Amino acid sequence: MVYFMHSYKKIKFSLFKALTLLSALLFSLNLYAAPGSIHIKNAELIPLEERYTLNSDFDLTLNNVLEDALMKGVPLTFLVEFQITTPRTYWFDDEIITQSYRVSLSYHALSRQFLIIRNKNQSSFNNLQQAKEALSKIKDWAVIDKSLLKKGEPYQAALRVRLDQSKLPKPIQVEASGSENWTLVSERHQWTPAFGL
């Protein structure tokens, strides 16, 4: 009986030690996991004949949860939002135009290709880094007709990019709601465009 109790205490202590080490490992992995981020580096409006187009570059970093979901076949859809307003001193800014579009990133396991779908155009890439670089460039997006702008009026432009949780599969939407792992949004990048009207 004494031998049994001694063995039981030894097993109990070993199990406790193993669980403590496992908890510490999981905590450290979660604590030091690289967070996801979107950082808009630049944005500019380019005049064409009757309209302005937007060019922009941003850095996209996926956290471990998002990258793991992507590799398991979960498409990630990003919403790109652009707005032009006229600042008002004593009232809300006057909204001139708000535009948005979606771009999705997915992984096709059979071909081992990363796919980007933007405005019904599909591109494929051999690795995730190439796909993220392509996704992070906005080129020649027609955002506003010149007829909507008035000479001498001050304007403020703003751009934001975020992961669109509403496009995730329904079971994941429940998990994603309120979770930092599934929240990926840039700061609102604002600038004063130089409209040559």
C-alpha atoms as a PDB file:
ATOM      1  CA  MET A   1       0.000   0.000   0.000  1.00  0.00           C
ATOM      2  CA  VAL A   2       2.870   2.369   0.873  1.00  0.00           C
ATOM      3  CA  TYR A   3       4.561   1.518  -2.434  1.00  0.00           C
ATOM      4  CA  PHE A   4       1.319   2.202  -4.329  1.00  0.00           C
ATOM      5  CA  MET A   5       0.863   5.603  -2.634  1.00  0.00           C
ATOM      6  CA  HIS A   6       4.485   6.534  -3.358  1.00  0.00           C
ATOM      7  CA  SER A   7       4.074   5.597  -7.056  1.00  0.00           C
ATOM      8  CA  TYR A   8       0.762   7.455  -7.230  1.00  0.00           C
ATOM      9  CA  LYS A   9       2.352  10.643  -5.811  1.00  0.00           C
ATOM     10  CA  LYS A  10       5.267  10.312  -8.227  1.00  0.00           C
ATOM     11  CA  ILE A  11       2.932   9.926 -11.252  1.00  0.00           C
ATOM     12  CA  LYS A  12       0.746  12.792 -10.023  1.00  0.00           C
ATOM     13  CA  PHE A  13       3.808  15.064  -9.659  1.00  0.00           C
ATOM     14  CA  SER A  14       5.124  14.091 -13.133  1.00  0.00           C
ATOM     15  CA  LEU A  15       1.714  14.748 -14.679  1.00  0.00           C
ATOM     16  CA  PHE A  16       1.489  18.117 -12.913  1.00  0.00           C
ATOM     17  CA  LYS A  17       4.980  19.027 -14.158  1.00  0.00           C
ATOM     18  CA  ALA A  18       4.108  18.008 -17.758  1.00  0.00           C
ATOM     19  CA  LEU A  19       0.885  20.021 -17.708  1.00  0.00           C
ATOM     20  CA  THR A  20       2.712  23.055 -16.308  1.00  0.00           C
ATOM     21  CA  LEU A  21       5.341  22.856 -19.064  1.00  0.00           C
ATOM     22  CA  LEU A  22       2.648  22.423 -21.736  1.00  0.00           C
ATOM     23  CA  SER A  23       0.697  25.426 -20.404  1.00  0.00           C
ATOM     24  CA  ALA A  24       3.860  27.553 -20.374  1.00  0.00           C
ATOM     25  CA  LEU A  25       4.654  26.497 -23.947  1.00  0.00           C
ATOM     26  CA  LEU A  26       1.148  27.279 -25.229  1.00  0.00           C
ATOM     27  CA  PHE A  27       1.162  30.620 -23.390  1.00  0.00           C
ATOM     28  CA  SER A  28       4.540  31.585 -24.863  1.00  0.00           C
ATOM     29  CA  LEU A  29       3.464  30.599 -28.397  1.00  0.00           C
ATOM     30  CA  ASN A  30       0.324  32.690 -28.075  1.00  0.00           C
ATOM     31  CA  LEU A  31       2.186  35.562 -26.438  1.00  0.00           C
ATOM     32  CA  TYR A  32       4.984  35.742 -28.965  1.00  0.00           C
ATOM     33  CA  ALA A  33       2.971  34.914 -32.085  1.00  0.00           C
ATOM     34  CA  ALA A  34       3.526  37.620 -34.665  1.00  0.00           C
ATOM     35  CA  PRO A  35       0.416  39.782 -34.803  1.00  0.00           C
ATOM     36  CA  GLY A  36      -1.277  40.452 -38.128  1.00  0.00           C
ATOM     37  CA  SER A  37      -1.282  43.976 -39.487  1.00  0.00           C
ATOM     38  CA  ILE A  38      -2.115  46.184 -42.446  1.00  0.00           C
ATOM     39  CA  HIS A  39      -0.101  49.378 -42.849  1.00  0.00           C
ATOM     40  CA  ILE A  40      -0.853  51.773 -45.724  1.00  0.00           C
ATOM     41  CA  LYS A  41       2.505  53.131 -46.946  1.00  0.00           C
ATOM     42  CA  ASN A  42       1.278  55.630 -49.532  1.00  0.00           C
ATOM     43  CA  ALA A  43      -1.735  56.683 -51.564  1.00  0.00           C
ATOM     44  CA  GLU A  44      -2.118  59.160 -54.401  1.00  0.00           C
ATOM     45  CA  LEU A  45      -4.814  60.310 -56.808  1.00  0.00           C
ATOM     46  CA  ILE A  46      -3.804  60.456 -60.479  1.00  0.00           C
ATOM     47  CA  PRO A  47      -5.740  62.692 -62.919  1.00  0.00           C
ATOM     48  CA  LEU A  48      -6.963  61.138 -66.149  1.00  0.00           C
ATOM     49  CA  GLU A  49      -9.300  62.661 -68.751  1.00  0.00           C
ATOM     50  CA  GLU A  50     -12.577  62.816 -66.828  1.00  0.00           C
ATOM     51  CA  ARG A  51     -11.723  61.183 -63.528  1.00  0.00           C
ATOM     52  CA  TYR A  52      -9.120  60.508 -60.830  1.00  0.00           C
ATOM     53  CA  THR A  53      -7.675  57.069 -60.202  1.00  0.00           C
ATOM     54  CA  LEU A  54      -6.099  55.810 -56.997  1.00  0.00           C
ATOM     55  CA  ASN A  55      -2.702  54.149 -56.631  1.00  0.00           C
ATOM     56  CA  SER A  56      -1.610  52.811 -53.263  1.00  0.00           C
ATOM     57  CA  ASP A  57       0.784  50.387 -51.573  1.00  0.00           C
ATOM     58  CA  PHE A  58       0.339  48.755 -48.180  1.00  0.00           C
ATOM     59  CA  ASP A  59       2.103  46.136 -46.071  1.00  0.00           C
ATOM     60  CA  LEU A  60       0.088  43.037 -45.200  1.00  0.00           C
ATOM     61  CA  THR A  61       1.166  40.662 -42.427  1.00  0.00           C
ATOM     62  CA  LEU A  62      -0.988  37.644 -41.565  1.00  0.00           C
ATOM     63  CA  ASN A  63      -0.886  36.206 -38.053  1.00  0.00           C
ATOM     64  CA  ASN A  64      -0.492  32.454 -37.483  1.00  0.00           C
ATOM     65  CA  VAL A  65      -4.245  31.870 -37.144  1.00  0.00           C
ATOM     66  CA  LEU A  66      -5.071  33.569 -40.458  1.00  0.00           C
ATOM     67  CA  GLU A  67      -2.197  31.916 -42.309  1.00  0.00           C
ATOM     68  CA  ASP A  68      -3.159  28.483 -40.946  1.00  0.00           C
ATOM     69  CA  ALA A  69      -6.812  29.028 -41.965  1.00  0.00           C
ATOM     70  CA  LEU A  70      -5.708  30.132 -45.450  1.00  0.00           C
ATOM     71  CA  MET A  71      -3.554  27.014 -45.889  1.00  0.00           C
ATOM     72  CA  LYS A  72      -6.539  24.860 -44.859  1.00  0.00           C
ATOM     73  CA  GLY A  73      -8.674  26.337 -47.648  1.00  0.00           C
ATOM     74  CA  VAL A  74     -10.400  29.289 -45.942  1.00  0.00           C
ATOM     75  CA  PRO A  75     -10.458  32.254 -48.372  1.00  0.00           C
ATOM     76  CA  LEU A  76      -9.593  35.643 -46.858  1.00  0.00           C
ATOM     77  CA  THR A  77     -11.505  38.588 -48.308  1.00  0.00           C
ATOM     78  CA  PHE A  78     -10.272  42.143 -47.811  1.00  0.00           C
ATOM     79  CA  LEU A  79     -12.429  45.243 -48.156  1.00  0.00           C
ATOM     80  CA  VAL A  80     -10.733  48.345 -49.589  1.00  0.00           C
ATOM     81  CA  GLU A  81     -12.635  51.537 -48.668  1.00  0.00           C
ATOM     82  CA  PHE A  82     -11.997  55.000 -50.137  1.00  0.00           C
ATOM     83  CA  GLN A  83     -13.713  58.292 -49.312  1.00  0.00           C
ATOM     84  CA  ILE A  84     -13.480  61.965 -50.272  1.00  0.00           C
ATOM     85  CA  THR A  85     -15.013  64.584 -48.000  1.00  0.00           C
ATOM     86  CA  THR A  86     -15.097  68.349 -47.664  1.00  0.00           C
ATOM     87  CA  PRO A  87     -14.059  69.350 -44.121  1.00  0.00           C
ATOM     88  CA  ARG A  88     -16.587  71.485 -42.217  1.00  0.00           C
ATOM     89  CA  THR A  89     -15.689  73.522 -39.145  1.00  0.00           C
ATOM     90  CA  TYR A  90     -18.951  73.436 -37.205  1.00  0.00           C
ATOM     91  CA  TRP A  91     -20.672  70.397 -38.658  1.00  0.00           C
ATOM     92  CA  PHE A  92     -19.932  66.902 -39.927  1.00  0.00           C
ATOM     93  CA  ASP A  93     -17.677  66.677 -42.967  1.00  0.00           C
ATOM     94  CA  ASP A  94     -19.583  66.719 -46.257  1.00  0.00           C
ATOM     95  CA  GLU A  95     -19.231  63.328 -47.965  1.00  0.00           C
ATOM     96  CA  ILE A  96     -18.509  63.704 -51.686  1.00  0.00           C
ATOM     97  CA  ILE A  97     -18.033  60.034 -52.554  1.00  0.00           C
ATOM     98  CA  THR A  98     -17.453  56.659 -50.888  1.00  0.00           C
ATOM     99  CA  GLN A  99     -16.182  53.717 -52.928  1.00  0.00           C
ATOM    100  CA  SER A 100     -15.247  50.171 -51.952  1.00  0.00           C
ATOM    101  CA  TYR A 101     -14.275  46.879 -53.516  1.00  0.00           C
ATOM    102  CA  ARG A 102     -13.298  43.416 -52.322  1.00  0.00           C
ATOM    103  CA  VAL A 103     -10.216  41.373 -53.103  1.00  0.00           C
ATOM    104  CA  SER A 104      -9.877  37.758 -51.979  1.00  0.00           C
ATOM    105  CA  LEU A 105      -6.849  35.605 -51.244  1.00  0.00           C
ATOM    106  CA  SER A 106      -7.148  31.820 -51.249  1.00  0.00           C
ATOM    107  CA  TYR A 107      -4.992  28.704 -51.468  1.00  0.00           C
ATOM    108  CA  HIS A 108      -5.695  25.918 -53.963  1.00  0.00           C
ATOM    109  CA  ALA A 109      -4.223  22.752 -52.425  1.00  0.00           C
ATOM    110  CA  LEU A 110      -4.292  20.596 -55.593  1.00  0.00           C
ATOM    111  CA  SER A 111      -2.291  23.047 -57.705  1.00  0.00           C
ATOM    112  CA  ARG A 112      -0.396  24.443 -54.686  1.00  0.00           C
ATOM    113  CA  GLN A 113      -1.148  27.923 -55.952  1.00  0.00           C
ATOM    114  CA  PHE A 114      -2.255  31.058 -54.141  1.00  0.00           C
ATOM    115  CA  LEU A 115      -5.103  32.841 -55.911  1.00  0.00           C
ATOM    116  CA  ILE A 116      -6.137  36.484 -55.857  1.00  0.00           C
ATOM    117  CA  ILE A 117      -9.503  37.554 -57.236  1.00  0.00           C
ATOM    118  CA  ARG A 118      -9.918  41.307 -57.756  1.00  0.00           C
ATOM    119  CA  ASN A 119     -12.780  42.774 -59.794  1.00  0.00           C
ATOM    120  CA  LYS A 120     -13.496  39.350 -61.337  1.00  0.00           C
ATOM    121  CA  ASN A 121      -9.867  39.050 -62.499  1.00  0.00           C
ATOM    122  CA  GLN A 122      -7.945  36.064 -61.133  1.00  0.00           C
ATOM    123  CA  SER A 123      -4.173  35.816 -60.703  1.00  0.00           C
ATOM    124  CA  SER A 124      -2.172  32.847 -59.409  1.00  0.00           C
ATOM    125  CA  PHE A 125       1.116  32.804 -57.487  1.00  0.00           C
ATOM    126  CA  ASN A 126       3.611  30.128 -56.470  1.00  0.00           C
ATOM    127  CA  ASN A 127       4.043  31.314 -52.883  1.00  0.00           C
ATOM    128  CA  LEU A 128       2.294  33.364 -50.235  1.00  0.00           C
ATOM    129  CA  GLN A 129       4.829  36.202 -50.271  1.00  0.00           C
ATOM    130  CA  GLN A 130       4.239  36.859 -53.985  1.00  0.00           C
ATOM    131  CA  ALA A 131       0.475  36.758 -53.457  1.00  0.00           C
ATOM    132  CA  LYS A 132       0.629  39.222 -50.535  1.00  0.00           C
ATOM    133  CA  GLU A 133       2.809  41.615 -52.552  1.00  0.00           C
ATOM    134  CA  ALA A 134       0.307  41.575 -55.439  1.00  0.00           C
ATOM    135  CA  LEU A 135      -2.663  41.963 -53.096  1.00  0.00           C
ATOM    136  CA  SER A 136      -0.944  44.934 -51.397  1.00  0.00           C
ATOM    137  CA  LYS A 137      -0.903  47.078 -54.535  1.00  0.00           C
ATOM    138  CA  ILE A 138      -3.839  49.176 -55.707  1.00  0.00           C
ATOM    139  CA  LYS A 139      -3.344  50.440 -59.257  1.00  0.00           C
ATOM    140  CA  ASP A 140      -5.521  52.614 -61.498  1.00  0.00           C
ATOM    141  CA  TRP A 141      -8.709  52.282 -59.427  1.00  0.00           C
ATOM    142  CA  ALA A 142     -11.158  54.856 -60.845  1.00  0.00           C
ATOM    143  CA  VAL A 143     -12.581  56.484 -57.719  1.00  0.00           C
ATOM    144  CA  ILE A 144     -14.125  59.856 -58.656  1.00  0.00           C
ATOM    145  CA  ASP A 145     -15.325  61.831 -61.665  1.00  0.00           C
ATOM    146  CA  LYS A 146     -13.870  65.326 -61.975  1.00  0.00           C
ATOM    147  CA  SER A 147     -17.416  66.690 -62.388  1.00  0.00           C
ATOM    148  CA  LEU A 148     -18.087  66.008 -58.670  1.00  0.00           C
ATOM    149  CA  LEU A 149     -15.298  68.361 -57.573  1.00  0.00           C
ATOM    150  CA  LYS A 150     -15.500  72.170 -57.338  1.00  0.00           C
ATOM    151  CA  LYS A 151     -12.615  74.537 -57.907  1.00  0.00           C
ATOM    152  CA  GLY A 152     -11.320  76.182 -54.720  1.00  0.00           C
ATOM    153  CA  GLU A 153     -13.099  73.716 -52.415  1.00  0.00           C
ATOM    154  CA  PRO A 154     -10.916  71.974 -49.789  1.00  0.00           C
ATOM    155  CA  TYR A 155     -10.989  68.154 -49.914  1.00  0.00           C
ATOM    156  CA  GLN A 156      -9.831  65.339 -47.653  1.00  0.00           C
ATOM    157  CA  ALA A 157      -9.167  61.821 -48.974  1.00  0.00           C
ATOM    158  CA  ALA A 158      -9.146  58.691 -46.811  1.00  0.00           C
ATOM    159  CA  LEU A 159      -8.286  55.047 -47.429  1.00  0.00           C
ATOM    160  CA  ARG A 160      -8.733  51.985 -45.222  1.00  0.00           C
ATOM    161  CA  VAL A 161      -8.193  48.245 -45.785  1.00  0.00           C
ATOM    162  CA  ARG A 162      -9.633  45.519 -43.565  1.00  0.00           C
ATOM    163  CA  LEU A 163     -10.351  41.809 -43.410  1.00  0.00           C
ATOM    164  CA  ASP A 164     -14.035  41.360 -44.214  1.00  0.00           C
ATOM    165  CA  GLN A 165     -15.292  38.964 -41.531  1.00  0.00           C
ATOM    166  CA  SER A 166     -18.747  38.819 -43.150  1.00  0.00           C
ATOM    167  CA  LYS A 167     -17.210  36.837 -46.047  1.00  0.00           C
ATOM    168  CA  LEU A 168     -15.718  34.136 -43.808  1.00  0.00           C
ATOM    169  CA  PRO A 169     -17.489  30.751 -43.652  1.00  0.00           C
ATOM    170  CA  LYS A 170     -20.405  30.888 -41.181  1.00  0.00           C
ATOM    171  CA  PRO A 171     -18.854  28.617 -38.502  1.00  0.00           C
ATOM    172  CA  ILE A 172     -15.699  30.754 -38.463  1.00  0.00           C
ATOM    173  CA  GLN A 173     -17.708  33.995 -38.252  1.00  0.00           C
ATOM    174  CA  VAL A 174     -18.884  32.920 -34.791  1.00  0.00           C
ATOM    175  CA  GLU A 175     -15.294  32.312 -33.648  1.00  0.00           C
ATOM    176  CA  ALA A 176     -14.044  35.491 -35.373  1.00  0.00           C
ATOM    177  CA  SER A 177     -16.556  37.780 -33.693  1.00  0.00           C
ATOM    178  CA  GLY A 178     -14.625  39.817 -31.140  1.00  0.00           C
ATOM    179  CA  SER A 179     -11.417  37.800 -31.608  1.00  0.00           C
ATOM    180  CA  GLU A 180      -8.154  39.711 -32.100  1.00  0.00           C
ATOM    181  CA  ASN A 181      -6.821  36.827 -34.194  1.00  0.00           C
ATOM    182  CA  TRP A 182      -9.485  37.486 -36.830  1.00  0.00           C
ATOM    183  CA  THR A 183      -9.431  41.292 -36.636  1.00  0.00           C
ATOM    184  CA  LEU A 184      -7.166  42.814 -39.255  1.00  0.00           C
ATOM    185  CA  VAL A 185      -7.644  46.476 -40.161  1.00  0.00           C
ATOM    186  CA  SER A 186      -5.419  49.348 -41.229  1.00  0.00           C
ATOM    187  CA  GLU A 187      -5.494  52.789 -39.710  1.00  0.00           C
ATOM    188  CA  ARG A 188      -7.495  55.314 -41.687  1.00  0.00           C
ATOM    189  CA  HIS A 189      -4.887  56.819 -44.034  1.00  0.00           C
ATOM    190  CA  GLN A 190      -5.824  60.464 -44.685  1.00  0.00           C
ATOM    191  CA  TRP A 191      -4.297  63.082 -46.938  1.00  0.00           C
ATOM    192  CA  THR A 192      -5.159  66.355 -48.685  1.00  0.00           C
ATOM    193  CA  PRO A 193      -5.207  65.691 -52.435  1.00  0.00           C
ATOM    194  CA  ALA A 194      -3.947  68.372 -54.824  1.00  0.00           C
ATOM    195  CA  PHE A 195      -6.757  68.523 -57.350  1.00  0.00           C
ATOM    196  CA  GLY A 196      -5.705  70.523 -60.407  1.00  0.00           C
ATOM    197  CA  LEU A 197      -9.157  71.698 -61.477  1.00  0.00           C
END
